[in-house]
Amino acid sequence: MLGGVISFLICIWFYLTADRLKLNPLQWVAGALIVFYGTKAIWTFLILKPLMGAGYTHHGMLGGLMMELAGALLGALACWLFRARVMLKQAR
């Protein structure tokens, strides 16, 4: 749930930036979603799941919230890097 809210805010952020830079907003929003959910999937399935083992499926509410929050924050960081290193350079 938290990841969905953050991805929605990232979509708005990328749309407004692309519109301001006179770029195609749809392709940049799609790119942001791919980067966000790709980073989140890599974090969840390639890093977190092997590290936690059985604890990945048997955790409390706070553990689940922390795993979701960590993935969402890493996804947001990856989107910020994508915006800074690719999108803003494309506009120049």
PDB file of N, CA and C in Angstrom:
ATOM      1  N   MET A   1       0.821  -1.197   0.000  1.00  0.00           N
ATOM      2  CA  MET A   1       0.000   0.000   0.000  1.00  0.00           C
ATOM      3  C   MET A   1       0.866   1.261   0.000  1.00  0.00           C
ATOM      4  N   LEU A   2       1.851   1.252   0.862  1.00  0.00           N
ATOM      5  CA  LEU A   2       2.727   2.412   0.964  1.00  0.00           C
ATOM      6  C   LEU A   2       3.514   2.619  -0.334  1.00  0.00           C
ATOM      7  N   GLY A   3       3.953   1.519  -0.935  1.00  0.00           N
ATOM      8  CA  GLY A   3       4.679   1.606  -2.200  1.00  0.00           C
ATOM      9  C   GLY A   3       3.817   2.184  -3.314  1.00  0.00           C
ATOM     10  N   GLY A   4       2.534   1.861  -3.313  1.00  0.00           N
ATOM     11  CA  GLY A   4       1.622   2.400  -4.319  1.00  0.00           C
ATOM     12  C   GLY A   4       1.437   3.903  -4.187  1.00  0.00           C
ATOM     13  N   VAL A   5       1.341   4.378  -2.956  1.00  0.00           N
ATOM     14  CA  VAL A   5       1.204   5.821  -2.724  1.00  0.00           C
ATOM     15  C   VAL A   5       2.469   6.548  -3.167  1.00  0.00           C
ATOM     16  N   ILE A   6       3.620   5.990  -2.802  1.00  0.00           N
ATOM     17  CA  ILE A   6       4.886   6.616  -3.185  1.00  0.00           C
ATOM     18  C   ILE A   6       5.066   6.591  -4.704  1.00  0.00           C
ATOM     19  N   SER A   7       4.697   5.491  -5.349  1.00  0.00           N
ATOM     20  CA  SER A   7       4.831   5.439  -6.812  1.00  0.00           C
ATOM     21  C   SER A   7       3.895   6.450  -7.485  1.00  0.00           C
ATOM     22  N   PHE A   8       2.726   6.675  -6.929  1.00  0.00           N
ATOM     23  CA  PHE A   8       1.808   7.684  -7.470  1.00  0.00           C
ATOM     24  C   PHE A   8       2.427   9.080  -7.364  1.00  0.00           C
ATOM     25  N   LEU A   9       3.032   9.379  -6.219  1.00  0.00           N
ATOM     26  CA  LEU A   9       3.676  10.687  -6.047  1.00  0.00           C
ATOM     27  C   LEU A   9       4.871  10.845  -6.990  1.00  0.00           C
ATOM     28  N   ILE A  10       5.602   9.763  -7.216  1.00  0.00           N
ATOM     29  CA  ILE A  10       6.722   9.812  -8.154  1.00  0.00           C
ATOM     30  C   ILE A  10       6.213  10.058  -9.573  1.00  0.00           C
ATOM     31  N   CYS A  11       5.095   9.453  -9.934  1.00  0.00           N
ATOM     32  CA  CYS A  11       4.507   9.682 -11.257  1.00  0.00           C
ATOM     33  C   CYS A  11       4.147  11.152 -11.451  1.00  0.00           C
ATOM     34  N   ILE A  12       3.556  11.755 -10.451  1.00  0.00           N
ATOM     35  CA  ILE A  12       3.214  13.179 -10.527  1.00  0.00           C
ATOM     36  C   ILE A  12       4.489  14.014 -10.669  1.00  0.00           C
ATOM     37  N   TRP A  13       5.503  13.694  -9.883  1.00  0.00           N
ATOM     38  CA  TRP A  13       6.783  14.408  -9.916  1.00  0.00           C
ATOM     39  C   TRP A  13       7.420  14.326 -11.305  1.00  0.00           C
ATOM     40  N   PHE A  14       7.450  13.131 -11.891  1.00  0.00           N
ATOM     41  CA  PHE A  14       8.042  12.962 -13.221  1.00  0.00           C
ATOM     42  C   PHE A  14       7.186  13.624 -14.297  1.00  0.00           C
ATOM     43  N   TYR A  15       5.882  13.556 -14.166  1.00  0.00           N
ATOM     44  CA  TYR A  15       5.009  14.198 -15.149  1.00  0.00           C
ATOM     45  C   TYR A  15       5.232  15.706 -15.167  1.00  0.00           C
ATOM     46  N   LEU A  16       5.261  16.311 -13.996  1.00  0.00           N
ATOM     47  CA  LEU A  16       5.448  17.763 -13.924  1.00  0.00           C
ATOM     48  C   LEU A  16       6.829  18.174 -14.424  1.00  0.00           C
ATOM     49  N   THR A  17       7.849  17.394 -14.091  1.00  0.00           N
ATOM     50  CA  THR A  17       9.201  17.703 -14.567  1.00  0.00           C
ATOM     51  C   THR A  17       9.289  17.583 -16.080  1.00  0.00           C
ATOM     52  N   ALA A  18       8.749  16.500 -16.638  1.00  0.00           N
ATOM     53  CA  ALA A  18       8.790  16.306 -18.090  1.00  0.00           C
ATOM     54  C   ALA A  18       8.012  17.399 -18.811  1.00  0.00           C
ATOM     55  N   ASP A  19       6.885  17.786 -18.258  1.00  0.00           N
ATOM     56  CA  ASP A  19       6.084  18.848 -18.866  1.00  0.00           C
ATOM     57  C   ASP A  19       6.842  20.175 -18.847  1.00  0.00           C
ATOM     58  N   ARG A  20       7.510  20.447 -17.748  1.00  0.00           N
ATOM     59  CA  ARG A  20       8.278  21.684 -17.616  1.00  0.00           C
ATOM     60  C   ARG A  20       9.464  21.706 -18.579  1.00  0.00           C
ATOM     61  N   LEU A  21      10.070  20.535 -18.813  1.00  0.00           N
ATOM     62  CA  LEU A  21      11.236  20.448 -19.698  1.00  0.00           C
ATOM     63  C   LEU A  21      10.861  20.212 -21.158  1.00  0.00           C
ATOM     64  N   LYS A  22       9.566  20.204 -21.446  1.00  0.00           N
ATOM     65  CA  LYS A  22       9.061  19.985 -22.806  1.00  0.00           C
ATOM     66  C   LYS A  22       9.469  18.608 -23.360  1.00  0.00           C
ATOM     67  N   LEU A  23       9.396  17.582 -22.501  1.00  0.00           N
ATOM     68  CA  LEU A  23       9.646  16.202 -22.895  1.00  0.00           C
ATOM     69  C   LEU A  23       8.326  15.446 -22.885  1.00  0.00           C
ATOM     70  N   ASN A  24       8.309  14.262 -23.474  1.00  0.00           N
ATOM     71  CA  ASN A  24       7.099  13.446 -23.487  1.00  0.00           C
ATOM     72  C   ASN A  24       6.832  12.902 -22.081  1.00  0.00           C
ATOM     73  N   PRO A  25       5.785  13.384 -21.388  1.00  0.00           N
ATOM     74  CA  PRO A  25       5.556  12.958 -20.003  1.00  0.00           C
ATOM     75  C   PRO A  25       5.246  11.468 -19.862  1.00  0.00           C
ATOM     76  N   LEU A  26       4.528  10.896 -20.809  1.00  0.00           N
ATOM     77  CA  LEU A  26       4.113   9.500 -20.670  1.00  0.00           C
ATOM     78  C   LEU A  26       5.311   8.558 -20.636  1.00  0.00           C
ATOM     79  N   GLN A  27       6.289   8.778 -21.496  1.00  0.00           N
ATOM     80  CA  GLN A  27       7.441   7.880 -21.513  1.00  0.00           C
ATOM     81  C   GLN A  27       8.283   8.040 -20.251  1.00  0.00           C
ATOM     82  N   TRP A  28       8.362   9.231 -19.700  1.00  0.00           N
ATOM     83  CA  TRP A  28       9.147   9.425 -18.483  1.00  0.00           C
ATOM     84  C   TRP A  28       8.438   8.879 -17.254  1.00  0.00           C
ATOM     85  N   VAL A  29       7.112   8.975 -17.219  1.00  0.00           N
ATOM     86  CA  VAL A  29       6.355   8.367 -16.120  1.00  0.00           C
ATOM     87  C   VAL A  29       6.492   6.850 -16.178  1.00  0.00           C
ATOM     88  N   ALA A  30       6.395   6.279 -17.382  1.00  0.00           N
ATOM     89  CA  ALA A  30       6.569   4.827 -17.533  1.00  0.00           C
ATOM     90  C   ALA A  30       7.971   4.409 -17.116  1.00  0.00           C
ATOM     91  N   GLY A  31       8.968   5.182 -17.504  1.00  0.00           N
ATOM     92  CA  GLY A  31      10.340   4.881 -17.098  1.00  0.00           C
ATOM     93  C   GLY A  31      10.525   4.943 -15.600  1.00  0.00           C
ATOM     94  N   ALA A  32       9.899   5.928 -14.962  1.00  0.00           N
ATOM     95  CA  ALA A  32       9.992   6.054 -13.511  1.00  0.00           C
ATOM     96  C   ALA A  32       9.354   4.854 -12.817  1.00  0.00           C
ATOM     97  N   LEU A  33       8.211   4.397 -13.329  1.00  0.00           N
ATOM     98  CA  LEU A  33       7.563   3.229 -12.730  1.00  0.00           C
ATOM     99  C   LEU A  33       8.405   1.971 -12.900  1.00  0.00           C
ATOM    100  N   ILE A  34       9.031   1.815 -14.058  1.00  0.00           N
ATOM    101  CA  ILE A  34       9.903   0.657 -14.273  1.00  0.00           C
ATOM    102  C   ILE A  34      11.094   0.696 -13.313  1.00  0.00           C
ATOM    103  N   VAL A  35      11.690   1.860 -13.152  1.00  0.00           N
ATOM    104  CA  VAL A  35      12.826   1.996 -12.238  1.00  0.00           C
ATOM    105  C   VAL A  35      12.380   1.747 -10.798  1.00  0.00           C
ATOM    106  N   PHE A  36      11.246   2.329 -10.392  1.00  0.00           N
ATOM    107  CA  PHE A  36      10.762   2.188  -9.017  1.00  0.00           C
ATOM    108  C   PHE A  36      10.456   0.726  -8.691  1.00  0.00           C
ATOM    109  N   TYR A  37       9.602   0.099  -9.500  1.00  0.00           N
ATOM    110  CA  TYR A  37       9.203  -1.274  -9.187  1.00  0.00           C
ATOM    111  C   TYR A  37      10.315  -2.277  -9.486  1.00  0.00           C
ATOM    112  N   GLY A  38      11.198  -1.978 -10.432  1.00  0.00           N
ATOM    113  CA  GLY A  38      12.347  -2.843 -10.674  1.00  0.00           C
ATOM    114  C   GLY A  38      13.292  -2.856  -9.484  1.00  0.00           C
ATOM    115  N   THR A  39      13.583  -1.681  -8.951  1.00  0.00           N
ATOM    116  CA  THR A  39      14.437  -1.583  -7.765  1.00  0.00           C
ATOM    117  C   THR A  39      13.786  -2.272  -6.574  1.00  0.00           C
ATOM    118  N   LYS A  40      12.496  -2.057  -6.424  1.00  0.00           N
ATOM    119  CA  LYS A  40      11.771  -2.676  -5.315  1.00  0.00           C
ATOM    120  C   LYS A  40      11.768  -4.204  -5.433  1.00  0.00           C
ATOM    121  N   ALA A  41      11.615  -4.725  -6.652  1.00  0.00           N
ATOM    122  CA  ALA A  41      11.626  -6.177  -6.864  1.00  0.00           C
ATOM    123  C   ALA A  41      13.011  -6.755  -6.605  1.00  0.00           C
ATOM    124  N   ILE A  42      14.053  -6.069  -7.075  1.00  0.00           N
ATOM    125  CA  ILE A  42      15.417  -6.533  -6.813  1.00  0.00           C
ATOM    126  C   ILE A  42      15.686  -6.567  -5.318  1.00  0.00           C
ATOM    127  N   TRP A  43      15.288  -5.527  -4.613  1.00  0.00           N
ATOM    128  CA  TRP A  43      15.478  -5.475  -3.167  1.00  0.00           C
ATOM    129  C   TRP A  43      14.729  -6.611  -2.476  1.00  0.00           C
ATOM    130  N   THR A  44      13.484  -6.821  -2.868  1.00  0.00           N
ATOM    131  CA  THR A  44      12.651  -7.810  -2.192  1.00  0.00           C
ATOM    132  C   THR A  44      13.097  -9.235  -2.482  1.00  0.00           C
ATOM    133  N   PHE A  45      13.267  -9.575  -3.754  1.00  0.00           N
ATOM    134  CA  PHE A  45      13.460 -10.981  -4.111  1.00  0.00           C
ATOM    135  C   PHE A  45      14.916 -11.415  -4.214  1.00  0.00           C
ATOM    136  N   LEU A  46      15.827 -10.499  -4.523  1.00  0.00           N
ATOM    137  CA  LEU A  46      17.220 -10.897  -4.667  1.00  0.00           C
ATOM    138  C   LEU A  46      18.078 -10.584  -3.440  1.00  0.00           C
ATOM    139  N   ILE A  47      17.633  -9.652  -2.599  1.00  0.00           N
ATOM    140  CA  ILE A  47      18.433  -9.282  -1.433  1.00  0.00           C
ATOM    141  C   ILE A  47      17.730  -9.655  -0.131  1.00  0.00           C
ATOM    142  N   LEU A  48      16.523  -9.130   0.067  1.00  0.00           N
ATOM    143  CA  LEU A  48      15.844  -9.301   1.349  1.00  0.00           C
ATOM    144  C   LEU A  48      15.401 -10.741   1.610  1.00  0.00           C
ATOM    145  N   LYS A  49      14.798 -11.374   0.628  1.00  0.00           N
ATOM    146  CA  LYS A  49      14.286 -12.732   0.815  1.00  0.00           C
ATOM    147  C   LYS A  49      15.399 -13.736   1.128  1.00  0.00           C
ATOM    148  N   PRO A  50      16.512 -13.745   0.380  1.00  0.00           N
ATOM    149  CA  PRO A  50      17.586 -14.676   0.750  1.00  0.00           C
ATOM    150  C   PRO A  50      18.223 -14.363   2.110  1.00  0.00           C
ATOM    151  N   LEU A  51      18.319 -13.092   2.475  1.00  0.00           N
ATOM    152  CA  LEU A  51      18.911 -12.736   3.762  1.00  0.00           C
ATOM    153  C   LEU A  51      18.045 -13.160   4.943  1.00  0.00           C
ATOM    154  N   MET A  52      16.738 -13.047   4.798  1.00  0.00           N
ATOM    155  CA  MET A  52      15.837 -13.332   5.917  1.00  0.00           C
ATOM    156  C   MET A  52      15.429 -14.795   6.012  1.00  0.00           C
ATOM    157  N   GLY A  53      15.506 -15.528   4.936  1.00  0.00           N
ATOM    158  CA  GLY A  53      15.116 -16.938   4.967  1.00  0.00           C
ATOM    159  C   GLY A  53      13.655 -17.103   5.349  1.00  0.00           C
ATOM    160  N   ALA A  54      13.392 -17.938   6.357  1.00  0.00           N
ATOM    161  CA  ALA A  54      12.016 -18.188   6.804  1.00  0.00           C
ATOM    162  C   ALA A  54      11.405 -16.955   7.463  1.00  0.00           C
ATOM    163  N   GLY A  55      12.237 -16.060   7.963  1.00  0.00           N
ATOM    164  CA  GLY A  55      11.729 -14.841   8.586  1.00  0.00           C
ATOM    165  C   GLY A  55      11.037 -13.910   7.603  1.00  0.00           C
ATOM    166  N   TYR A  56      11.268 -14.142   6.306  1.00  0.00           N
ATOM    167  CA  TYR A  56      10.635 -13.309   5.293  1.00  0.00           C
ATOM    168  C   TYR A  56       9.130 -13.512   5.273  1.00  0.00           C
ATOM    169  N   THR A  57       8.684 -14.741   5.491  1.00  0.00           N
ATOM    170  CA  THR A  57       7.245 -15.016   5.458  1.00  0.00           C
ATOM    171  C   THR A  57       6.615 -14.996   6.838  1.00  0.00           C
ATOM    172  N   HIS A  58       7.400 -15.116   7.898  1.00  0.00           N
ATOM    173  CA  HIS A  58       6.866 -15.144   9.263  1.00  0.00           C
ATOM    174  C   HIS A  58       7.429 -13.951  10.034  1.00  0.00           C
ATOM    175  N   HIS A  59       6.732 -12.853   9.974  1.00  0.00           N
ATOM    176  CA  HIS A  59       7.164 -11.635  10.650  1.00  0.00           C
ATOM    177  C   HIS A  59       5.945 -10.915  11.199  1.00  0.00           C
ATOM    178  N   GLY A  60       6.200  -9.976  12.073  1.00  0.00           N
ATOM    179  CA  GLY A  60       5.122  -9.182  12.645  1.00  0.00           C
ATOM    180  C   GLY A  60       4.746  -8.026  11.733  1.00  0.00           C
ATOM    181  N   MET A  61       3.783  -7.258  12.203  1.00  0.00           N
ATOM    182  CA  MET A  61       3.308  -6.124  11.410  1.00  0.00           C
ATOM    183  C   MET A  61       4.411  -5.082  11.231  1.00  0.00           C
ATOM    184  N   LEU A  62       5.166  -4.833  12.279  1.00  0.00           N
ATOM    185  CA  LEU A  62       6.229  -3.834  12.194  1.00  0.00           C
ATOM    186  C   LEU A  62       7.325  -4.284  11.229  1.00  0.00           C
ATOM    187  N   GLY A  63       7.643  -5.570  11.228  1.00  0.00           N
ATOM    188  CA  GLY A  63       8.640  -6.090  10.282  1.00  0.00           C
ATOM    189  C   GLY A  63       8.183  -5.938   8.842  1.00  0.00           C
ATOM    190  N   GLY A  64       6.909  -6.234   8.581  1.00  0.00           N
ATOM    191  CA  GLY A  64       6.367  -6.068   7.233  1.00  0.00           C
ATOM    192  C   GLY A  64       6.369  -4.621   6.792  1.00  0.00           C
ATOM    193  N   LEU A  65       6.035  -3.720   7.715  1.00  0.00           N
ATOM    194  CA  LEU A  65       6.032  -2.294   7.403  1.00  0.00           C
ATOM    195  C   LEU A  65       7.447  -1.802   7.093  1.00  0.00           C
ATOM    196  N   MET A  66       8.418  -2.284   7.863  1.00  0.00           N
ATOM    197  CA  MET A  66       9.798  -1.865   7.627  1.00  0.00           C
ATOM    198  C   MET A  66      10.320  -2.395   6.293  1.00  0.00           C
ATOM    199  N   MET A  67       9.943  -3.638   5.928  1.00  0.00           N
ATOM    200  CA  MET A  67      10.366  -4.174   4.629  1.00  0.00           C
ATOM    201  C   MET A  67       9.740  -3.384   3.487  1.00  0.00           C
ATOM    202  N   GLU A  68       8.478  -3.044   3.624  1.00  0.00           N
ATOM    203  CA  GLU A  68       7.788  -2.261   2.588  1.00  0.00           C
ATOM    204  C   GLU A  68       8.386  -0.859   2.485  1.00  0.00           C
ATOM    205  N   LEU A  69       8.644  -0.239   3.623  1.00  0.00           N
ATOM    206  CA  LEU A  69       9.202   1.111   3.644  1.00  0.00           C
ATOM    207  C   LEU A  69      10.612   1.132   3.056  1.00  0.00           C
ATOM    208  N   ALA A  70      11.426   0.142   3.388  1.00  0.00           N
ATOM    209  CA  ALA A  70      12.791   0.092   2.856  1.00  0.00           C
ATOM    210  C   ALA A  70      12.773  -0.056   1.335  1.00  0.00           C
ATOM    211  N   GLY A  71      11.922  -0.923   0.817  1.00  0.00           N
ATOM    212  CA  GLY A  71      11.822  -1.093  -0.632  1.00  0.00           C
ATOM    213  C   GLY A  71      11.333   0.159  -1.325  1.00  0.00           C
ATOM    214  N   ALA A  72      10.350   0.813  -0.735  1.00  0.00           N
ATOM    215  CA  ALA A  72       9.806   2.039  -1.327  1.00  0.00           C
ATOM    216  C   ALA A  72      10.843   3.164  -1.305  1.00  0.00           C
ATOM    217  N   LEU A  73      11.597   3.282  -0.228  1.00  0.00           N
ATOM    218  CA  LEU A  73      12.616   4.329  -0.161  1.00  0.00           C
ATOM    219  C   LEU A  73      13.762   4.064  -1.135  1.00  0.00           C
ATOM    220  N   LEU A  74      14.157   2.812  -1.284  1.00  0.00           N
ATOM    221  CA  LEU A  74      15.179   2.486  -2.273  1.00  0.00           C
ATOM    222  C   LEU A  74      14.681   2.756  -3.689  1.00  0.00           C
ATOM    223  N   GLY A  75      13.422   2.444  -3.955  1.00  0.00           N
ATOM    224  CA  GLY A  75      12.832   2.742  -5.257  1.00  0.00           C
ATOM    225  C   GLY A  75      12.787   4.237  -5.531  1.00  0.00           C
ATOM    226  N   ALA A  76      12.430   5.021  -4.515  1.00  0.00           N
ATOM    227  CA  ALA A  76      12.393   6.478  -4.665  1.00  0.00           C
ATOM    228  C   ALA A  76      13.792   7.036  -4.898  1.00  0.00           C
ATOM    229  N   LEU A  77      14.789   6.476  -4.210  1.00  0.00           N
ATOM    230  CA  LEU A  77      16.173   6.906  -4.422  1.00  0.00           C
ATOM    231  C   LEU A  77      16.628   6.583  -5.842  1.00  0.00           C
ATOM    232  N   ALA A  78      16.277   5.409  -6.340  1.00  0.00           N
ATOM    233  CA  ALA A  78      16.631   5.037  -7.709  1.00  0.00           C
ATOM    234  C   ALA A  78      15.954   5.967  -8.712  1.00  0.00           C
ATOM    235  N   CYS A  79      14.706   6.352  -8.456  1.00  0.00           N
ATOM    236  CA  CYS A  79      14.007   7.296  -9.344  1.00  0.00           C
ATOM    237  C   CYS A  79      14.662   8.665  -9.317  1.00  0.00           C
ATOM    238  N   TRP A  80      15.096   9.092  -8.155  1.00  0.00           N
ATOM    239  CA  TRP A  80      15.780  10.380  -8.050  1.00  0.00           C
ATOM    240  C   TRP A  80      17.068  10.357  -8.868  1.00  0.00           C
ATOM    241  N   LEU A  81      17.823   9.258  -8.774  1.00  0.00           N
ATOM    242  CA  LEU A  81      19.050   9.126  -9.561  1.00  0.00           C
ATOM    243  C   LEU A  81      18.746   9.072 -11.056  1.00  0.00           C
ATOM    244  N   PHE A  82      17.692   8.351 -11.426  1.00  0.00           N
ATOM    245  CA  PHE A  82      17.269   8.268 -12.826  1.00  0.00           C
ATOM    246  C   PHE A  82      16.907   9.647 -13.366  1.00  0.00           C
ATOM    247  N   ARG A  83      16.194  10.418 -12.574  1.00  0.00           N
ATOM    248  CA  ARG A  83      15.797  11.772 -12.975  1.00  0.00           C
ATOM    249  C   ARG A  83      17.020  12.666 -13.136  1.00  0.00           C
ATOM    250  N   ALA A  84      17.940  12.589 -12.169  1.00  0.00           N
ATOM    251  CA  ALA A  84      19.102  13.474 -12.191  1.00  0.00           C
ATOM    252  C   ALA A  84      20.092  13.096 -13.294  1.00  0.00           C
ATOM    253  N   ARG A  85      20.290  11.816 -13.509  1.00  0.00           N
ATOM    254  CA  ARG A  85      21.342  11.390 -14.433  1.00  0.00           C
ATOM    255  C   ARG A  85      20.852  11.175 -15.862  1.00  0.00           C
ATOM    256  N   VAL A  86      19.567  10.934 -16.051  1.00  0.00           N
ATOM    257  CA  VAL A  86      19.074  10.655 -17.395  1.00  0.00           C
ATOM    258  C   VAL A  86      18.116  11.742 -17.876  1.00  0.00           C
ATOM    259  N   MET A  87      17.068  11.997 -17.103  1.00  0.00           N
ATOM    260  CA  MET A  87      16.017  12.901 -17.571  1.00  0.00           C
ATOM    261  C   MET A  87      16.510  14.338 -17.716  1.00  0.00           C
ATOM    262  N   LEU A  88      17.200  14.842 -16.709  1.00  0.00           N
ATOM    263  CA  LEU A  88      17.639  16.236 -16.769  1.00  0.00           C
ATOM    264  C   LEU A  88      18.742  16.424 -17.819  1.00  0.00           C
ATOM    265  N   LYS A  89      19.557  15.403 -18.047  1.00  0.00           N
ATOM    266  CA  LYS A  89      20.566  15.500 -19.111  1.00  0.00           C
ATOM    267  C   LYS A  89      19.918  15.430 -20.486  1.00  0.00           C
ATOM    268  N   GLN A  90      18.834  14.695 -20.615  1.00  0.00           N
ATOM    269  CA  GLN A  90      18.110  14.594 -21.887  1.00  0.00           C
ATOM    270  C   GLN A  90      17.537  15.956 -22.287  1.00  0.00           C
ATOM    271  N   ALA A  91      17.158  16.750 -21.292  1.00  0.00           N
ATOM    272  CA  ALA A  91      16.530  18.043 -21.575  1.00  0.00           C
ATOM    273  C   ALA A  91      17.539  19.083 -22.033  1.00  0.00           C
ATOM    274  N   ARG A  92      18.799  18.883 -21.776  1.00  0.00           N
ATOM    275  CA  ARG A  92      19.810  19.895 -22.148  1.00  0.00           C
ATOM    276  C   ARG A  92      20.103  19.890 -23.605  1.00  0.00           C
TER     277      ARG A  92
END
